[in-house]
Amino acid sequence: FRPSVVKECIHAVLKEELANAEYSPEEMPQLTKRLSETIKDKLKEMGFDRYKMVVQVVIGEQRGEGVFMAARCFWDADTDNYTYDVFMNDSLFCVVAAFGCFY
């Protein structure tokens, strides 16, 4: 699991999928699922065969309010890792975190 390569992958997907996206509460559940599936599939294609992947996608409306997120994991610091990327436009923000756990 190479965080820099995974981050580039996440960034490319977010840029492609969300460039012209507008926040719509009705559409966000499907968009969130689609983004997580797309990113998960692209990570599989990258050949991290010995890793279990977790992809978390959070989308919110851009309203000038603060948001805090945190994650804690119990893992092997020598083999497991994570990365994240943030996308924002005038309408929405999206935070994607990808965790790779060696098995």
PDB file of N, CA and C in Angstrom:
ATOM      1  N   PHE A   1       0.865  -1.184   0.000  1.00  0.00           N
ATOM      2  CA  PHE A   1       0.000   0.000   0.000  1.00  0.00           C
ATOM      3  C   PHE A   1       0.892   1.221   0.000  1.00  0.00           C
ATOM      4  N   ARG A   2       0.837   1.958  -1.084  1.00  0.00           N
ATOM      5  CA  ARG A   2       1.677   3.151  -1.208  1.00  0.00           C
ATOM      6  C   ARG A   2       0.788   4.387  -1.155  1.00  0.00           C
ATOM      7  N   PRO A   3       0.794   5.099  -0.024  1.00  0.00           N
ATOM      8  CA  PRO A   3      -0.129   6.221   0.168  1.00  0.00           C
ATOM      9  C   PRO A   3      -0.084   7.287  -0.924  1.00  0.00           C
ATOM     10  N   SER A   4       1.097   7.617  -1.420  1.00  0.00           N
ATOM     11  CA  SER A   4       1.180   8.688  -2.421  1.00  0.00           C
ATOM     12  C   SER A   4       0.485   8.291  -3.724  1.00  0.00           C
ATOM     13  N   VAL A   5       0.643   7.043  -4.124  1.00  0.00           N
ATOM     14  CA  VAL A   5       0.005   6.553  -5.347  1.00  0.00           C
ATOM     15  C   VAL A   5      -1.507   6.465  -5.163  1.00  0.00           C
ATOM     16  N   VAL A   6      -1.936   5.992  -4.000  1.00  0.00           N
ATOM     17  CA  VAL A   6      -3.364   5.876  -3.706  1.00  0.00           C
ATOM     18  C   VAL A   6      -4.003   7.262  -3.666  1.00  0.00           C
ATOM     19  N   LYS A   7      -3.300   8.222  -3.077  1.00  0.00           N
ATOM     20  CA  LYS A   7      -3.832   9.595  -3.010  1.00  0.00           C
ATOM     21  C   LYS A   7      -4.023  10.168  -4.408  1.00  0.00           C
ATOM     22  N   GLU A   8      -3.080   9.926  -5.305  1.00  0.00           N
ATOM     23  CA  GLU A   8      -3.210  10.393  -6.689  1.00  0.00           C
ATOM     24  C   GLU A   8      -4.434   9.779  -7.353  1.00  0.00           C
ATOM     25  N   CYS A   9      -4.672   8.507  -7.100  1.00  0.00           N
ATOM     26  CA  CYS A   9      -5.835   7.811  -7.650  1.00  0.00           C
ATOM     27  C   CYS A   9      -7.127   8.436  -7.131  1.00  0.00           C
ATOM     28  N   ILE A  10      -7.203   8.639  -5.834  1.00  0.00           N
ATOM     29  CA  ILE A  10      -8.393   9.250  -5.228  1.00  0.00           C
ATOM     30  C   ILE A  10      -8.617  10.643  -5.812  1.00  0.00           C
ATOM     31  N   HIS A  11      -7.553  11.422  -5.892  1.00  0.00           N
ATOM     32  CA  HIS A  11      -7.648  12.790  -6.409  1.00  0.00           C
ATOM     33  C   HIS A  11      -8.199  12.804  -7.838  1.00  0.00           C
ATOM     34  N   ALA A  12      -7.702  11.893  -8.673  1.00  0.00           N
ATOM     35  CA  ALA A  12      -8.156  11.832 -10.065  1.00  0.00           C
ATOM     36  C   ALA A  12      -9.640  11.487 -10.150  1.00  0.00           C
ATOM     37  N   VAL A  13     -10.095  10.534  -9.345  1.00  0.00           N
ATOM     38  CA  VAL A  13     -11.509  10.151  -9.352  1.00  0.00           C
ATOM     39  C   VAL A  13     -12.374  11.318  -8.891  1.00  0.00           C
ATOM     40  N   LEU A  14     -11.978  11.971  -7.808  1.00  0.00           N
ATOM     41  CA  LEU A  14     -12.773  13.089  -7.294  1.00  0.00           C
ATOM     42  C   LEU A  14     -12.841  14.233  -8.302  1.00  0.00           C
ATOM     43  N   LYS A  15     -11.722  14.537  -8.919  1.00  0.00           N
ATOM     44  CA  LYS A  15     -11.687  15.621  -9.906  1.00  0.00           C
ATOM     45  C   LYS A  15     -12.611  15.307 -11.083  1.00  0.00           C
ATOM     46  N   GLU A  16     -12.575  14.069 -11.539  1.00  0.00           N
ATOM     47  CA  GLU A  16     -13.395  13.660 -12.679  1.00  0.00           C
ATOM     48  C   GLU A  16     -14.885  13.624 -12.330  1.00  0.00           C
ATOM     49  N   GLU A  17     -15.211  13.048 -11.189  1.00  0.00           N
ATOM     50  CA  GLU A  17     -16.613  12.822 -10.824  1.00  0.00           C
ATOM     51  C   GLU A  17     -17.305  14.059 -10.244  1.00  0.00           C
ATOM     52  N   LEU A  18     -16.548  14.944  -9.611  1.00  0.00           N
ATOM     53  CA  LEU A  18     -17.174  16.039  -8.870  1.00  0.00           C
ATOM     54  C   LEU A  18     -16.924  17.428  -9.451  1.00  0.00           C
ATOM     55  N   ALA A  19     -16.234  17.513 -10.568  1.00  0.00           N
ATOM     56  CA  ALA A  19     -15.856  18.815 -11.124  1.00  0.00           C
ATOM     57  C   ALA A  19     -17.051  19.763 -11.255  1.00  0.00           C
ATOM     58  N   ASN A  20     -18.162  19.266 -11.739  1.00  0.00           N
ATOM     59  CA  ASN A  20     -19.340  20.118 -11.951  1.00  0.00           C
ATOM     60  C   ASN A  20     -20.501  19.719 -11.057  1.00  0.00           C
ATOM     61  N   ALA A  21     -20.218  19.002  -9.986  1.00  0.00           N
ATOM     62  CA  ALA A  21     -21.284  18.487  -9.118  1.00  0.00           C
ATOM     63  C   ALA A  21     -21.897  19.593  -8.275  1.00  0.00           C
ATOM     64  N   GLU A  22     -23.184  19.494  -8.062  1.00  0.00           N
ATOM     65  CA  GLU A  22     -23.927  20.391  -7.176  1.00  0.00           C
ATOM     66  C   GLU A  22     -24.476  19.555  -6.033  1.00  0.00           C
ATOM     67  N   TYR A  23     -24.460  20.104  -4.839  1.00  0.00           N
ATOM     68  CA  TYR A  23     -24.993  19.372  -3.689  1.00  0.00           C
ATOM     69  C   TYR A  23     -26.506  19.239  -3.810  1.00  0.00           C
ATOM     70  N   SER A  24     -26.971  18.008  -3.707  1.00  0.00           N
ATOM     71  CA  SER A  24     -28.402  17.715  -3.716  1.00  0.00           C
ATOM     72  C   SER A  24     -28.634  16.594  -2.707  1.00  0.00           C
ATOM     73  N   PRO A  25     -29.364  16.859  -1.625  1.00  0.00           N
ATOM     74  CA  PRO A  25     -29.546  15.842  -0.583  1.00  0.00           C
ATOM     75  C   PRO A  25     -30.114  14.527  -1.106  1.00  0.00           C
ATOM     76  N   GLU A  26     -30.928  14.598  -2.150  1.00  0.00           N
ATOM     77  CA  GLU A  26     -31.527  13.386  -2.696  1.00  0.00           C
ATOM     78  C   GLU A  26     -30.516  12.532  -3.453  1.00  0.00           C
ATOM     79  N   GLU A  27     -29.533  13.167  -4.069  1.00  0.00           N
ATOM     80  CA  GLU A  27     -28.573  12.445  -4.903  1.00  0.00           C
ATOM     81  C   GLU A  27     -27.316  12.006  -4.152  1.00  0.00           C
ATOM     82  N   MET A  28     -27.040  12.582  -3.009  1.00  0.00           N
ATOM     83  CA  MET A  28     -25.780  12.317  -2.312  1.00  0.00           C
ATOM     84  C   MET A  28     -25.608  10.866  -1.852  1.00  0.00           C
ATOM     85  N   PRO A  29     -26.642  10.171  -1.377  1.00  0.00           N
ATOM     86  CA  PRO A  29     -26.411   8.767  -0.992  1.00  0.00           C
ATOM     87  C   PRO A  29     -25.896   7.905  -2.151  1.00  0.00           C
ATOM     88  N   GLN A  30     -26.471   8.079  -3.338  1.00  0.00           N
ATOM     89  CA  GLN A  30     -26.025   7.303  -4.496  1.00  0.00           C
ATOM     90  C   GLN A  30     -24.630   7.733  -4.940  1.00  0.00           C
ATOM     91  N   LEU A  31     -24.369   9.034  -4.920  1.00  0.00           N
ATOM     92  CA  LEU A  31     -23.054   9.531  -5.319  1.00  0.00           C
ATOM     93  C   LEU A  31     -21.974   9.025  -4.368  1.00  0.00           C
ATOM     94  N   THR A  32     -22.261   9.034  -3.091  1.00  0.00           N
ATOM     95  CA  THR A  32     -21.298   8.556  -2.099  1.00  0.00           C
ATOM     96  C   THR A  32     -20.964   7.088  -2.338  1.00  0.00           C
ATOM     97  N   LYS A  33     -21.979   6.272  -2.561  1.00  0.00           N
ATOM     98  CA  LYS A  33     -21.754   4.845  -2.832  1.00  0.00           C
ATOM     99  C   LYS A  33     -20.979   4.643  -4.122  1.00  0.00           C
ATOM    100  N   ARG A  34     -21.354   5.389  -5.170  1.00  0.00           N
ATOM    101  CA  ARG A  34     -20.674   5.241  -6.452  1.00  0.00           C
ATOM    102  C   ARG A  34     -19.198   5.621  -6.343  1.00  0.00           C
ATOM    103  N   LEU A  35     -18.910   6.720  -5.648  1.00  0.00           N
ATOM    104  CA  LEU A  35     -17.514   7.125  -5.469  1.00  0.00           C
ATOM    105  C   LEU A  35     -16.719   6.070  -4.715  1.00  0.00           C
ATOM    106  N   SER A  36     -17.284   5.540  -3.640  1.00  0.00           N
ATOM    107  CA  SER A  36     -16.546   4.544  -2.854  1.00  0.00           C
ATOM    108  C   SER A  36     -16.303   3.279  -3.670  1.00  0.00           C
ATOM    109  N   GLU A  37     -17.282   2.847  -4.459  1.00  0.00           N
ATOM    110  CA  GLU A  37     -17.105   1.665  -5.311  1.00  0.00           C
ATOM    111  C   GLU A  37     -16.060   1.920  -6.396  1.00  0.00           C
ATOM    112  N   THR A  38     -16.125   3.082  -7.032  1.00  0.00           N
ATOM    113  CA  THR A  38     -15.168   3.415  -8.092  1.00  0.00           C
ATOM    114  C   THR A  38     -13.747   3.434  -7.546  1.00  0.00           C
ATOM    115  N   ILE A  39     -13.552   4.080  -6.416  1.00  0.00           N
ATOM    116  CA  ILE A  39     -12.212   4.158  -5.823  1.00  0.00           C
ATOM    117  C   ILE A  39     -11.744   2.778  -5.391  1.00  0.00           C
ATOM    118  N   LYS A  40     -12.610   2.006  -4.760  1.00  0.00           N
ATOM    119  CA  LYS A  40     -12.243   0.646  -4.338  1.00  0.00           C
ATOM    120  C   LYS A  40     -11.825  -0.198  -5.544  1.00  0.00           C
ATOM    121  N   ASP A  41     -12.582  -0.130  -6.635  1.00  0.00           N
ATOM    122  CA  ASP A  41     -12.252  -0.903  -7.836  1.00  0.00           C
ATOM    123  C   ASP A  41     -10.920  -0.470  -8.430  1.00  0.00           C
ATOM    124  N   LYS A  42     -10.658   0.834  -8.451  1.00  0.00           N
ATOM    125  CA  LYS A  42      -9.379   1.314  -8.991  1.00  0.00           C
ATOM    126  C   LYS A  42      -8.206   0.873  -8.108  1.00  0.00           C
ATOM    127  N   LEU A  43      -8.415   0.845  -6.806  1.00  0.00           N
ATOM    128  CA  LEU A  43      -7.354   0.379  -5.911  1.00  0.00           C
ATOM    129  C   LEU A  43      -7.080  -1.104  -6.127  1.00  0.00           C
ATOM    130  N   LYS A  44      -8.120  -1.887  -6.384  1.00  0.00           N
ATOM    131  CA  LYS A  44      -7.932  -3.311  -6.686  1.00  0.00           C
ATOM    132  C   LYS A  44      -7.074  -3.482  -7.930  1.00  0.00           C
ATOM    133  N   GLU A  45      -7.324  -2.646  -8.942  1.00  0.00           N
ATOM    134  CA  GLU A  45      -6.567  -2.711 -10.193  1.00  0.00           C
ATOM    135  C   GLU A  45      -5.094  -2.365  -9.987  1.00  0.00           C
ATOM    136  N   MET A  46      -4.767  -1.664  -8.922  1.00  0.00           N
ATOM    137  CA  MET A  46      -3.387  -1.252  -8.671  1.00  0.00           C
ATOM    138  C   MET A  46      -2.527  -2.395  -8.144  1.00  0.00           C
ATOM    139  N   GLY A  47      -3.141  -3.516  -7.806  1.00  0.00           N
ATOM    140  CA  GLY A  47      -2.381  -4.706  -7.457  1.00  0.00           C
ATOM    141  C   GLY A  47      -1.954  -4.832  -6.011  1.00  0.00           C
ATOM    142  N   PHE A  48      -2.671  -4.229  -5.106  1.00  0.00           N
ATOM    143  CA  PHE A  48      -2.368  -4.407  -3.685  1.00  0.00           C
ATOM    144  C   PHE A  48      -3.054  -5.688  -3.201  1.00  0.00           C
ATOM    145  N   ASP A  49      -2.609  -6.816  -3.744  1.00  0.00           N
ATOM    146  CA  ASP A  49      -3.293  -8.096  -3.525  1.00  0.00           C
ATOM    147  C   ASP A  49      -3.305  -8.543  -2.073  1.00  0.00           C
ATOM    148  N   ARG A  50      -2.293  -8.221  -1.321  1.00  0.00           N
ATOM    149  CA  ARG A  50      -2.203  -8.695   0.063  1.00  0.00           C
ATOM    150  C   ARG A  50      -2.804  -7.711   1.060  1.00  0.00           C
ATOM    151  N   TYR A  51      -3.565  -6.761   0.567  1.00  0.00           N
ATOM    152  CA  TYR A  51      -4.162  -5.754   1.445  1.00  0.00           C
ATOM    153  C   TYR A  51      -5.682  -5.821   1.397  1.00  0.00           C
ATOM    154  N   LYS A  52      -6.271  -5.679   2.554  1.00  0.00           N
ATOM    155  CA  LYS A  52      -7.713  -5.442   2.628  1.00  0.00           C
ATOM    156  C   LYS A  52      -7.889  -3.933   2.622  1.00  0.00           C
ATOM    157  N   MET A  53      -8.827  -3.472   1.815  1.00  0.00           N
ATOM    158  CA  MET A  53      -9.035  -2.037   1.645  1.00  0.00           C
ATOM    159  C   MET A  53     -10.334  -1.596   2.302  1.00  0.00           C
ATOM    160  N   VAL A  54     -10.287  -0.432   2.898  1.00  0.00           N
ATOM    161  CA  VAL A  54     -11.481   0.241   3.402  1.00  0.00           C
ATOM    162  C   VAL A  54     -11.485   1.628   2.772  1.00  0.00           C
ATOM    163  N   VAL A  55     -12.593   1.982   2.135  1.00  0.00           N
ATOM    164  CA  VAL A  55     -12.728   3.304   1.523  1.00  0.00           C
ATOM    165  C   VAL A  55     -13.911   4.001   2.175  1.00  0.00           C
ATOM    166  N   GLN A  56     -13.650   5.168   2.739  1.00  0.00           N
ATOM    167  CA  GLN A  56     -14.697   5.955   3.392  1.00  0.00           C
ATOM    168  C   GLN A  56     -14.881   7.258   2.620  1.00  0.00           C
ATOM    169  N   VAL A  57     -16.130   7.570   2.294  1.00  0.00           N
ATOM    170  CA  VAL A  57     -16.449   8.793   1.562  1.00  0.00           C
ATOM    171  C   VAL A  57     -17.451   9.602   2.378  1.00  0.00           C
ATOM    172  N   VAL A  58     -17.135  10.871   2.591  1.00  0.00           N
ATOM    173  CA  VAL A  58     -18.034  11.794   3.284  1.00  0.00           C
ATOM    174  C   VAL A  58     -18.277  12.977   2.356  1.00  0.00           C
ATOM    175  N   ILE A  59     -19.550  13.279   2.099  1.00  0.00           N
ATOM    176  CA  ILE A  59     -19.911  14.437   1.278  1.00  0.00           C
ATOM    177  C   ILE A  59     -20.816  15.338   2.108  1.00  0.00           C
ATOM    178  N   GLY A  60     -20.539  16.630   2.065  1.00  0.00           N
ATOM    179  CA  GLY A  60     -21.369  17.585   2.789  1.00  0.00           C
ATOM    180  C   GLY A  60     -21.601  18.833   1.965  1.00  0.00           C
ATOM    181  N   GLU A  61     -22.593  19.582   2.368  1.00  0.00           N
ATOM    182  CA  GLU A  61     -22.911  20.827   1.678  1.00  0.00           C
ATOM    183  C   GLU A  61     -21.954  21.924   2.129  1.00  0.00           C
ATOM    184  N   GLN A  62     -21.506  22.717   1.180  1.00  0.00           N
ATOM    185  CA  GLN A  62     -20.595  23.827   1.450  1.00  0.00           C
ATOM    186  C   GLN A  62     -21.423  24.995   1.987  1.00  0.00           C
ATOM    187  N   ARG A  63     -21.390  25.191   3.303  1.00  0.00           N
ATOM    188  CA  ARG A  63     -22.203  26.246   3.915  1.00  0.00           C
ATOM    189  C   ARG A  63     -21.372  27.159   4.804  1.00  0.00           C
ATOM    190  N   GLY A  64     -20.069  27.059   4.712  1.00  0.00           N
ATOM    191  CA  GLY A  64     -19.212  27.912   5.510  1.00  0.00           C
ATOM    192  C   GLY A  64     -19.128  27.519   6.966  1.00  0.00           C
ATOM    193  N   GLU A  65     -19.592  26.333   7.290  1.00  0.00           N
ATOM    194  CA  GLU A  65     -19.531  25.850   8.668  1.00  0.00           C
ATOM    195  C   GLU A  65     -18.380  24.861   8.798  1.00  0.00           C
ATOM    196  N   GLY A  66     -17.888  24.706   9.995  1.00  0.00           N
ATOM    197  CA  GLY A  66     -16.795  23.780  10.228  1.00  0.00           C
ATOM    198  C   GLY A  66     -17.281  22.345  10.320  1.00  0.00           C
ATOM    199  N   VAL A  67     -16.369  21.443  10.048  1.00  0.00           N
ATOM    200  CA  VAL A  67     -16.650  20.017  10.214  1.00  0.00           C
ATOM    201  C   VAL A  67     -15.367  19.358  10.706  1.00  0.00           C
ATOM    202  N   PHE A  68     -15.506  18.418  11.606  1.00  0.00           N
ATOM    203  CA  PHE A  68     -14.361  17.691  12.138  1.00  0.00           C
ATOM    204  C   PHE A  68     -14.576  16.209  11.893  1.00  0.00           C
ATOM    205  N   MET A  69     -13.502  15.524  11.509  1.00  0.00           N
ATOM    206  CA  MET A  69     -13.557  14.085  11.299  1.00  0.00           C
ATOM    207  C   MET A  69     -12.320  13.473  11.922  1.00  0.00           C
ATOM    208  N   ALA A  70     -12.470  12.264  12.412  1.00  0.00           N
ATOM    209  CA  ALA A  70     -11.328  11.556  12.987  1.00  0.00           C
ATOM    210  C   ALA A  70     -11.489  10.069  12.721  1.00  0.00           C
ATOM    211  N   ALA A  71     -10.369   9.366  12.713  1.00  0.00           N
ATOM    212  CA  ALA A  71     -10.376   7.907  12.569  1.00  0.00           C
ATOM    213  C   ALA A  71      -9.265   7.349  13.444  1.00  0.00           C
ATOM    214  N   ARG A  72      -9.528   6.231  14.032  1.00  0.00           N
ATOM    215  CA  ARG A  72      -8.520   5.532  14.826  1.00  0.00           C
ATOM    216  C   ARG A  72      -8.516   4.073  14.398  1.00  0.00           C
ATOM    217  N   CYS A  73      -7.332   3.516  14.295  1.00  0.00           N
ATOM    218  CA  CYS A  73      -7.211   2.129  13.854  1.00  0.00           C
ATOM    219  C   CYS A  73      -6.238   1.384  14.756  1.00  0.00           C
ATOM    220  N   PHE A  74      -6.493   0.122  14.924  1.00  0.00           N
ATOM    221  CA  PHE A  74      -5.578  -0.764  15.630  1.00  0.00           C
ATOM    222  C   PHE A  74      -4.936  -1.630  14.560  1.00  0.00           C
ATOM    223  N   TRP A  75      -3.664  -1.332  14.243  1.00  0.00           N
ATOM    224  CA  TRP A  75      -3.031  -2.043  13.150  1.00  0.00           C
ATOM    225  C   TRP A  75      -1.530  -2.099  13.325  1.00  0.00           C
ATOM    226  N   ASP A  76      -0.865  -2.706  12.358  1.00  0.00           N
ATOM    227  CA  ASP A  76       0.586  -2.844  12.356  1.00  0.00           C
ATOM    228  C   ASP A  76       1.173  -1.645  11.610  1.00  0.00           C
ATOM    229  N   ALA A  77       1.843  -0.779  12.323  1.00  0.00           N
ATOM    230  CA  ALA A  77       2.382   0.446  11.730  1.00  0.00           C
ATOM    231  C   ALA A  77       3.464   0.172  10.686  1.00  0.00           C
ATOM    232  N   ASP A  78       4.040  -1.030  10.679  1.00  0.00           N
ATOM    233  CA  ASP A  78       5.073  -1.362   9.698  1.00  0.00           C
ATOM    234  C   ASP A  78       4.496  -1.736   8.337  1.00  0.00           C
ATOM    235  N   THR A  79       3.270  -2.255   8.300  1.00  0.00           N
ATOM    236  CA  THR A  79       2.721  -2.744   7.034  1.00  0.00           C
ATOM    237  C   THR A  79       1.430  -2.048   6.609  1.00  0.00           C
ATOM    238  N   ASP A  80       0.663  -1.538   7.547  1.00  0.00           N
ATOM    239  CA  ASP A  80      -0.631  -0.933   7.237  1.00  0.00           C
ATOM    240  C   ASP A  80      -0.470   0.580   7.100  1.00  0.00           C
ATOM    241  N   ASN A  81      -1.366   1.177   6.315  1.00  0.00           N
ATOM    242  CA  ASN A  81      -1.265   2.618   6.116  1.00  0.00           C
ATOM    243  C   ASN A  81      -2.591   3.173   5.623  1.00  0.00           C
ATOM    244  N   TYR A  82      -2.648   4.474   5.472  1.00  0.00           N
ATOM    245  CA  TYR A  82      -3.843   5.131   4.956  1.00  0.00           C
ATOM    246  C   TYR A  82      -3.435   6.408   4.243  1.00  0.00           C
ATOM    247  N   THR A  83      -4.371   6.942   3.490  1.00  0.00           N
ATOM    248  CA  THR A  83      -4.214   8.259   2.895  1.00  0.00           C
ATOM    249  C   THR A  83      -5.597   8.860   2.718  1.00  0.00           C
ATOM    250  N   TYR A  84      -5.638  10.135   2.421  1.00  0.00           N
ATOM    251  CA  TYR A  84      -6.926  10.792   2.209  1.00  0.00           C
ATOM    252  C   TYR A  84      -6.754  11.924   1.211  1.00  0.00           C
ATOM    253  N   ASP A  85      -7.873  12.375   0.677  1.00  0.00           N
ATOM    254  CA  ASP A  85      -7.865  13.547  -0.183  1.00  0.00           C
ATOM    255  C   ASP A  85      -9.165  14.308   0.044  1.00  0.00           C
ATOM    256  N   VAL A  86      -9.115  15.600  -0.190  1.00  0.00           N
ATOM    257  CA  VAL A  86     -10.272  16.474   0.011  1.00  0.00           C
ATOM    258  C   VAL A  86     -10.563  17.191  -1.298  1.00  0.00           C
ATOM    259  N   PHE A  87     -11.830  17.209  -1.677  1.00  0.00           N
ATOM    260  CA  PHE A  87     -12.280  17.959  -2.847  1.00  0.00           C
ATOM    261  C   PHE A  87     -13.307  18.982  -2.382  1.00  0.00           C
ATOM    262  N   MET A  88     -13.210  20.205  -2.902  1.00  0.00           N
ATOM    263  CA  MET A  88     -14.206  21.232  -2.579  1.00  0.00           C
ATOM    264  C   MET A  88     -14.541  22.036  -3.826  1.00  0.00           C
ATOM    265  N   ASN A  89     -15.815  22.368  -3.957  1.00  0.00           N
ATOM    266  CA  ASN A  89     -16.234  23.364  -4.930  1.00  0.00           C
ATOM    267  C   ASN A  89     -17.192  24.315  -4.218  1.00  0.00           C
ATOM    268  N   ASP A  90     -17.879  25.166  -4.949  1.00  0.00           N
ATOM    269  CA  ASP A  90     -18.762  26.150  -4.313  1.00  0.00           C
ATOM    270  C   ASP A  90     -19.972  25.519  -3.646  1.00  0.00           C
ATOM    271  N   SER A  91     -20.305  24.296  -4.023  1.00  0.00           N
ATOM    272  CA  SER A  91     -21.535  23.664  -3.564  1.00  0.00           C
ATOM    273  C   SER A  91     -21.326  22.581  -2.509  1.00  0.00           C
ATOM    274  N   LEU A  92     -20.197  21.860  -2.591  1.00  0.00           N
ATOM    275  CA  LEU A  92     -20.014  20.711  -1.701  1.00  0.00           C
ATOM    276  C   LEU A  92     -18.558  20.498  -1.336  1.00  0.00           C
ATOM    277  N   PHE A  93     -18.356  19.667  -0.324  1.00  0.00           N
ATOM    278  CA  PHE A  93     -17.015  19.180   0.000  1.00  0.00           C
ATOM    279  C   PHE A  93     -17.085  17.663   0.075  1.00  0.00           C
ATOM    280  N   CYS A  94     -15.972  17.031  -0.222  1.00  0.00           N
ATOM    281  CA  CYS A  94     -15.902  15.575  -0.178  1.00  0.00           C
ATOM    282  C   CYS A  94     -14.554  15.179   0.409  1.00  0.00           C
ATOM    283  N   VAL A  95     -14.590  14.319   1.404  1.00  0.00           N
ATOM    284  CA  VAL A  95     -13.373  13.786   2.015  1.00  0.00           C
ATOM    285  C   VAL A  95     -13.380  12.280   1.802  1.00  0.00           C
ATOM    286  N   VAL A  96     -12.304  11.766   1.231  1.00  0.00           N
ATOM    287  CA  VAL A  96     -12.170  10.327   1.017  1.00  0.00           C
ATOM    288  C   VAL A  96     -10.940   9.848   1.770  1.00  0.00           C
ATOM    289  N   ALA A  97     -11.119   8.813   2.566  1.00  0.00           N
ATOM    290  CA  ALA A  97     -10.002   8.163   3.250  1.00  0.00           C
ATOM    291  C   ALA A  97      -9.937   6.719   2.773  1.00  0.00           C
ATOM    292  N   ALA A  98      -8.733   6.250   2.490  1.00  0.00           N
ATOM    293  CA  ALA A  98      -8.523   4.859   2.087  1.00  0.00           C
ATOM    294  C   ALA A  98      -7.521   4.237   3.050  1.00  0.00           C
ATOM    295  N   PHE A  99      -7.892   3.095   3.591  1.00  0.00           N
ATOM    296  CA  PHE A  99      -7.063   2.369   4.546  1.00  0.00           C
ATOM    297  C   PHE A  99      -6.639   1.047   3.922  1.00  0.00           C
ATOM    298  N   GLY A 100      -5.358   0.721   4.013  1.00  0.00           N
ATOM    299  CA  GLY A 100      -4.853  -0.554   3.520  1.00  0.00           C
ATOM    300  C   GLY A 100      -4.282  -1.360   4.671  1.00  0.00           C
ATOM    301  N   CYS A 101      -4.854  -2.528   4.914  1.00  0.00           N
ATOM    302  CA  CYS A 101      -4.419  -3.409   6.009  1.00  0.00           C
ATOM    303  C   CYS A 101      -3.856  -4.697   5.429  1.00  0.00           C
ATOM    304  N   PHE A 102      -2.593  -4.959   5.688  1.00  0.00           N
ATOM    305  CA  PHE A 102      -1.903  -6.135   5.165  1.00  0.00           C
ATOM    306  C   PHE A 102      -2.391  -7.390   5.872  1.00  0.00           C
ATOM    307  N   TYR A 103      -2.599  -8.465   5.086  1.00  0.00           N
ATOM    308  CA  TYR A 103      -2.977  -9.743   5.696  1.00  0.00           C
ATOM    309  C   TYR A 103      -2.238 -10.881   5.058  1.00  0.00           C
TER     310      TYR A 103
END
